[in-house]
Amino acid sequence: MNENTDTEPTNPTDDNDFYVLRLFVTGASVNSIRAVVNVKEICETYIKDKYSLEIIDVHQQKSIAEQEQIIALPLLIKTTPLPARRLIGDMSDTQKVLKGLGISIGS
């Protein structure tokens, strides 16, 4: 039996969704560091154990950045669940990021 009844309300379709995320950053810039911290915090709070997050430094992995046609950084790409989404910025607006990822939380 699972006695954990004090979980936060999440999207009802969340149970079957696994989020595949890639965060593109530029080295250790202030915006890049902020984006990494913010994305990790959002993921751990709202989709804990239901995501994979790959952090890609475009300076170290230029070919991946070219393949994804990166035009602005930091950039978060959600490939699954569909639809795929791209979010640009430091991810400091939690509600905007959740909406962009298609995650709704109970009110």
N, C-alpha and C. Protein backbone atom coordinates (compact mmCIF):
# COMPACT_ATOMS: atom_id res chain seq x y z
N MET A 1 0.84 -1.19 0.00
CA MET A 1 0.00 0.00 0.00
C MET A 1 0.87 1.24 0.00
N ASN A 2 0.41 2.25 -0.69
CA ASN A 2 1.12 3.51 -0.72
C ASN A 2 0.42 4.48 0.22
N GLU A 3 1.12 4.89 1.25
CA GLU A 3 0.50 5.76 2.25
C GLU A 3 0.84 7.22 2.03
N ASN A 4 1.48 7.54 0.93
CA ASN A 4 1.86 8.92 0.65
C ASN A 4 0.66 9.66 0.07
N THR A 5 -0.13 10.27 0.93
CA THR A 5 -1.36 10.94 0.49
C THR A 5 -1.22 12.45 0.43
N ASP A 6 -0.07 12.97 0.79
CA ASP A 6 0.09 14.42 0.82
C ASP A 6 0.88 14.93 -0.39
N THR A 7 0.66 14.32 -1.56
CA THR A 7 1.36 14.79 -2.75
C THR A 7 0.67 16.01 -3.32
N GLU A 8 1.46 16.81 -4.04
CA GLU A 8 0.90 18.02 -4.65
C GLU A 8 0.05 17.65 -5.84
N PRO A 9 -1.02 18.40 -6.08
CA PRO A 9 -1.83 18.10 -7.26
C PRO A 9 -1.06 18.39 -8.54
N THR A 10 -1.16 17.49 -9.48
CA THR A 10 -0.48 17.68 -10.76
C THR A 10 -1.45 17.39 -11.89
N ASN A 11 -0.98 17.55 -13.07
CA ASN A 11 -1.78 17.28 -14.25
C ASN A 11 -2.27 15.83 -14.21
N PRO A 12 -3.56 15.59 -14.40
CA PRO A 12 -4.07 14.22 -14.34
C PRO A 12 -3.42 13.30 -15.37
N THR A 13 -2.97 13.83 -16.50
CA THR A 13 -2.32 12.99 -17.50
C THR A 13 -0.84 12.78 -17.18
N ASP A 14 -0.38 13.43 -16.12
CA ASP A 14 1.03 13.37 -15.73
C ASP A 14 1.51 11.94 -15.47
N ASP A 15 0.63 11.06 -14.99
CA ASP A 15 1.05 9.73 -14.59
C ASP A 15 1.70 8.95 -15.73
N ASN A 16 1.27 9.20 -16.95
CA ASN A 16 1.81 8.47 -18.09
C ASN A 16 2.85 9.27 -18.86
N ASP A 17 3.07 10.51 -18.48
CA ASP A 17 3.97 11.38 -19.23
C ASP A 17 5.38 11.35 -18.64
N PHE A 18 6.36 11.18 -19.52
CA PHE A 18 7.75 11.31 -19.12
C PHE A 18 8.33 12.42 -19.97
N TYR A 19 8.89 13.41 -19.32
CA TYR A 19 9.38 14.60 -20.01
C TYR A 19 10.85 14.44 -20.38
N VAL A 20 11.14 14.63 -21.66
CA VAL A 20 12.51 14.61 -22.15
C VAL A 20 12.88 16.04 -22.49
N LEU A 21 13.84 16.57 -21.73
CA LEU A 21 14.20 17.99 -21.83
C LEU A 21 15.68 18.14 -22.14
N ARG A 22 15.98 19.15 -22.96
CA ARG A 22 17.36 19.52 -23.24
C ARG A 22 17.49 21.02 -23.02
N LEU A 23 18.44 21.40 -22.19
CA LEU A 23 18.69 22.81 -21.91
C LEU A 23 20.03 23.20 -22.53
N PHE A 24 19.96 24.14 -23.47
CA PHE A 24 21.15 24.63 -24.14
C PHE A 24 21.60 25.92 -23.47
N VAL A 25 22.88 25.97 -23.08
CA VAL A 25 23.43 27.12 -22.36
C VAL A 25 24.76 27.52 -22.99
N THR A 26 25.25 28.69 -22.58
CA THR A 26 26.57 29.16 -23.03
C THR A 26 27.50 29.25 -21.84
N GLY A 27 28.22 28.19 -21.60
CA GLY A 27 29.21 28.18 -20.53
C GLY A 27 28.62 28.50 -19.16
N ALA A 28 29.39 29.26 -18.39
CA ALA A 28 28.99 29.59 -17.02
C ALA A 28 28.49 31.02 -16.92
N SER A 29 27.79 31.49 -17.94
CA SER A 29 27.24 32.85 -17.88
C SER A 29 26.16 32.92 -16.80
N VAL A 30 25.88 34.12 -16.35
CA VAL A 30 24.88 34.32 -15.30
C VAL A 30 23.52 33.75 -15.73
N ASN A 31 23.08 34.07 -16.95
CA ASN A 31 21.80 33.57 -17.43
C ASN A 31 21.79 32.05 -17.56
N SER A 32 22.89 31.47 -17.98
CA SER A 32 22.97 30.02 -18.12
C SER A 32 22.85 29.33 -16.76
N ILE A 33 23.60 29.83 -15.79
CA ILE A 33 23.56 29.25 -14.44
C ILE A 33 22.15 29.38 -13.86
N ARG A 34 21.55 30.55 -14.02
CA ARG A 34 20.20 30.79 -13.52
C ARG A 34 19.20 29.83 -14.18
N ALA A 35 19.34 29.65 -15.49
CA ALA A 35 18.43 28.75 -16.21
C ALA A 35 18.57 27.31 -15.71
N VAL A 36 19.79 26.85 -15.50
CA VAL A 36 20.02 25.49 -15.00
C VAL A 36 19.36 25.31 -13.63
N VAL A 37 19.61 26.25 -12.73
CA VAL A 37 19.03 26.17 -11.38
C VAL A 37 17.50 26.18 -11.44
N ASN A 38 16.95 27.10 -12.23
CA ASN A 38 15.49 27.23 -12.32
C ASN A 38 14.83 25.99 -12.92
N VAL A 39 15.41 25.46 -14.00
CA VAL A 39 14.83 24.27 -14.64
C VAL A 39 14.89 23.08 -13.70
N LYS A 40 16.02 22.88 -13.03
CA LYS A 40 16.13 21.75 -12.09
C LYS A 40 15.10 21.88 -10.97
N GLU A 41 14.94 23.09 -10.45
CA GLU A 41 13.98 23.30 -9.36
C GLU A 41 12.54 23.03 -9.83
N ILE A 42 12.20 23.52 -11.01
CA ILE A 42 10.85 23.29 -11.55
C ILE A 42 10.62 21.79 -11.76
N CYS A 43 11.58 21.11 -12.34
CA CYS A 43 11.44 19.68 -12.60
C CYS A 43 11.29 18.89 -11.30
N GLU A 44 12.11 19.19 -10.33
CA GLU A 44 12.05 18.46 -9.06
C GLU A 44 10.76 18.75 -8.30
N THR A 45 10.19 19.93 -8.47
CA THR A 45 8.97 20.30 -7.78
C THR A 45 7.73 19.73 -8.46
N TYR A 46 7.67 19.79 -9.77
CA TYR A 46 6.43 19.49 -10.48
C TYR A 46 6.41 18.17 -11.25
N ILE A 47 7.57 17.66 -11.66
CA ILE A 47 7.58 16.39 -12.41
C ILE A 47 8.68 15.47 -11.89
N LYS A 48 8.89 15.47 -10.59
CA LYS A 48 9.93 14.65 -9.96
C LYS A 48 9.81 13.20 -10.40
N ASP A 49 10.94 12.61 -10.77
CA ASP A 49 11.03 11.22 -11.22
C ASP A 49 10.31 10.96 -12.54
N LYS A 50 9.89 12.01 -13.23
CA LYS A 50 9.18 11.83 -14.51
C LYS A 50 9.85 12.63 -15.62
N TYR A 51 11.16 12.82 -15.52
CA TYR A 51 11.84 13.61 -16.54
C TYR A 51 13.29 13.20 -16.68
N SER A 52 13.85 13.50 -17.85
CA SER A 52 15.29 13.45 -18.04
C SER A 52 15.69 14.83 -18.54
N LEU A 53 16.78 15.34 -18.01
CA LEU A 53 17.26 16.67 -18.36
C LEU A 53 18.70 16.56 -18.80
N GLU A 54 18.95 16.97 -20.03
CA GLU A 54 20.31 17.01 -20.57
C GLU A 54 20.70 18.47 -20.70
N ILE A 55 21.82 18.84 -20.10
CA ILE A 55 22.31 20.21 -20.17
C ILE A 55 23.47 20.24 -21.16
N ILE A 56 23.33 21.07 -22.17
CA ILE A 56 24.30 21.11 -23.27
C ILE A 56 24.92 22.49 -23.36
N ASP A 57 26.23 22.54 -23.22
CA ASP A 57 26.97 23.79 -23.38
C ASP A 57 27.32 23.91 -24.86
N VAL A 58 26.75 24.91 -25.53
CA VAL A 58 26.94 25.03 -26.98
C VAL A 58 28.40 25.31 -27.36
N HIS A 59 29.18 25.83 -26.43
CA HIS A 59 30.60 26.06 -26.72
C HIS A 59 31.35 24.73 -26.80
N GLN A 60 30.92 23.76 -26.01
CA GLN A 60 31.60 22.46 -25.99
C GLN A 60 31.01 21.47 -27.00
N GLN A 61 29.75 21.67 -27.37
CA GLN A 61 29.08 20.73 -28.27
C GLN A 61 28.41 21.49 -29.41
N LYS A 62 29.22 22.12 -30.23
CA LYS A 62 28.71 22.96 -31.32
C LYS A 62 27.83 22.20 -32.30
N SER A 63 28.16 20.94 -32.58
CA SER A 63 27.41 20.18 -33.58
C SER A 63 25.95 19.97 -33.15
N ILE A 64 25.73 19.73 -31.87
CA ILE A 64 24.35 19.55 -31.39
C ILE A 64 23.59 20.86 -31.51
N ALA A 65 24.23 21.96 -31.18
CA ALA A 65 23.59 23.27 -31.28
C ALA A 65 23.22 23.57 -32.73
N GLU A 66 24.10 23.24 -33.65
CA GLU A 66 23.81 23.46 -35.07
C GLU A 66 22.66 22.57 -35.53
N GLN A 67 22.66 21.34 -35.09
CA GLN A 67 21.61 20.37 -35.46
C GLN A 67 20.23 20.85 -34.99
N GLU A 68 20.17 21.44 -33.80
CA GLU A 68 18.90 21.92 -33.24
C GLU A 68 18.55 23.33 -33.72
N GLN A 69 19.41 23.93 -34.52
CA GLN A 69 19.19 25.27 -35.06
C GLN A 69 18.90 26.29 -33.96
N ILE A 70 19.82 26.38 -33.02
CA ILE A 70 19.71 27.28 -31.88
C ILE A 70 19.88 28.72 -32.35
N ILE A 71 18.95 29.58 -31.97
CA ILE A 71 19.07 30.99 -32.35
C ILE A 71 19.19 31.91 -31.14
N ALA A 72 18.81 31.45 -29.96
CA ALA A 72 18.91 32.25 -28.74
C ALA A 72 19.15 31.33 -27.56
N LEU A 73 19.85 31.83 -26.56
CA LEU A 73 20.19 31.03 -25.38
C LEU A 73 19.92 31.82 -24.11
N PRO A 74 19.69 31.16 -23.00
CA PRO A 74 19.45 29.74 -22.82
C PRO A 74 18.16 29.30 -23.52
N LEU A 75 18.13 28.05 -23.95
CA LEU A 75 16.98 27.48 -24.65
C LEU A 75 16.65 26.12 -24.06
N LEU A 76 15.39 25.94 -23.67
CA LEU A 76 14.91 24.66 -23.16
C LEU A 76 14.03 24.04 -24.23
N ILE A 77 14.36 22.81 -24.63
CA ILE A 77 13.56 22.10 -25.62
C ILE A 77 12.92 20.88 -24.95
N LYS A 78 11.60 20.78 -25.08
CA LYS A 78 10.87 19.60 -24.62
C LYS A 78 10.53 18.79 -25.86
N THR A 79 11.03 17.55 -25.93
CA THR A 79 10.72 16.71 -27.08
C THR A 79 9.54 15.79 -26.82
N THR A 80 9.40 15.32 -25.61
CA THR A 80 8.22 14.52 -25.24
C THR A 80 7.79 14.93 -23.84
N PRO A 81 6.52 14.81 -23.51
CA PRO A 81 5.43 14.40 -24.39
C PRO A 81 5.14 15.47 -25.44
N LEU A 82 4.56 15.04 -26.53
CA LEU A 82 4.21 15.97 -27.60
C LEU A 82 3.11 16.91 -27.15
N PRO A 83 3.00 18.11 -27.65
CA PRO A 83 3.82 18.66 -28.74
C PRO A 83 5.17 19.14 -28.22
N ALA A 84 6.16 19.09 -29.10
CA ALA A 84 7.49 19.60 -28.75
C ALA A 84 7.38 21.10 -28.53
N ARG A 85 8.17 21.59 -27.58
CA ARG A 85 8.13 23.03 -27.26
C ARG A 85 9.54 23.55 -27.08
N ARG A 86 9.72 24.85 -27.34
CA ARG A 86 10.99 25.54 -27.12
C ARG A 86 10.72 26.77 -26.27
N LEU A 87 11.50 26.92 -25.21
CA LEU A 87 11.37 28.07 -24.31
C LEU A 87 12.72 28.77 -24.22
N ILE A 88 12.71 30.08 -24.39
CA ILE A 88 13.94 30.85 -24.36
C ILE A 88 13.96 31.72 -23.11
N GLY A 89 15.13 31.83 -22.47
CA GLY A 89 15.30 32.70 -21.32
C GLY A 89 15.88 31.97 -20.13
N ASP A 90 15.90 32.64 -18.98
CA ASP A 90 16.52 32.05 -17.79
C ASP A 90 15.54 31.19 -16.98
N MET A 91 14.34 31.00 -17.46
CA MET A 91 13.32 30.12 -16.87
C MET A 91 12.93 30.56 -15.45
N SER A 92 13.02 31.88 -15.20
CA SER A 92 12.71 32.39 -13.86
C SER A 92 11.21 32.57 -13.63
N ASP A 93 10.41 32.61 -14.69
CA ASP A 93 8.96 32.73 -14.55
C ASP A 93 8.38 31.31 -14.53
N THR A 94 8.23 30.77 -13.34
CA THR A 94 7.81 29.37 -13.17
C THR A 94 6.50 29.08 -13.89
N GLN A 95 5.51 29.96 -13.74
CA GLN A 95 4.21 29.71 -14.38
C GLN A 95 4.34 29.66 -15.90
N LYS A 96 5.15 30.52 -16.45
CA LYS A 96 5.36 30.55 -17.91
C LYS A 96 6.05 29.26 -18.37
N VAL A 97 7.02 28.80 -17.61
CA VAL A 97 7.73 27.56 -17.95
C VAL A 97 6.78 26.37 -17.86
N LEU A 98 5.98 26.31 -16.79
CA LEU A 98 5.03 25.20 -16.64
C LEU A 98 4.03 25.19 -17.80
N LYS A 99 3.54 26.35 -18.16
CA LYS A 99 2.59 26.44 -19.27
C LYS A 99 3.27 26.00 -20.58
N GLY A 100 4.49 26.48 -20.78
CA GLY A 100 5.23 26.12 -21.97
C GLY A 100 5.52 24.62 -22.08
N LEU A 101 5.70 23.97 -20.93
CA LEU A 101 5.95 22.54 -20.92
C LEU A 101 4.65 21.73 -20.95
N GLY A 102 3.52 22.42 -20.81
CA GLY A 102 2.24 21.73 -20.82
C GLY A 102 1.92 21.08 -19.48
N ILE A 103 2.46 21.64 -18.40
CA ILE A 103 2.21 21.11 -17.06
C ILE A 103 1.22 22.02 -16.36
N SER A 104 0.09 21.45 -15.96
CA SER A 104 -0.86 22.26 -15.21
C SER A 104 -0.89 21.76 -13.78
N ILE A 105 -0.98 22.68 -12.85
CA ILE A 105 -1.02 22.31 -11.44
C ILE A 105 -2.39 22.65 -10.89
N GLY A 106 -2.81 21.89 -9.91
CA GLY A 106 -4.11 22.13 -9.30
C GLY A 106 -4.14 23.47 -8.60
N SER A 107 -5.29 24.11 -8.62
CA SER A 107 -5.38 25.43 -7.98
C SER A 107 -6.00 25.33 -6.61
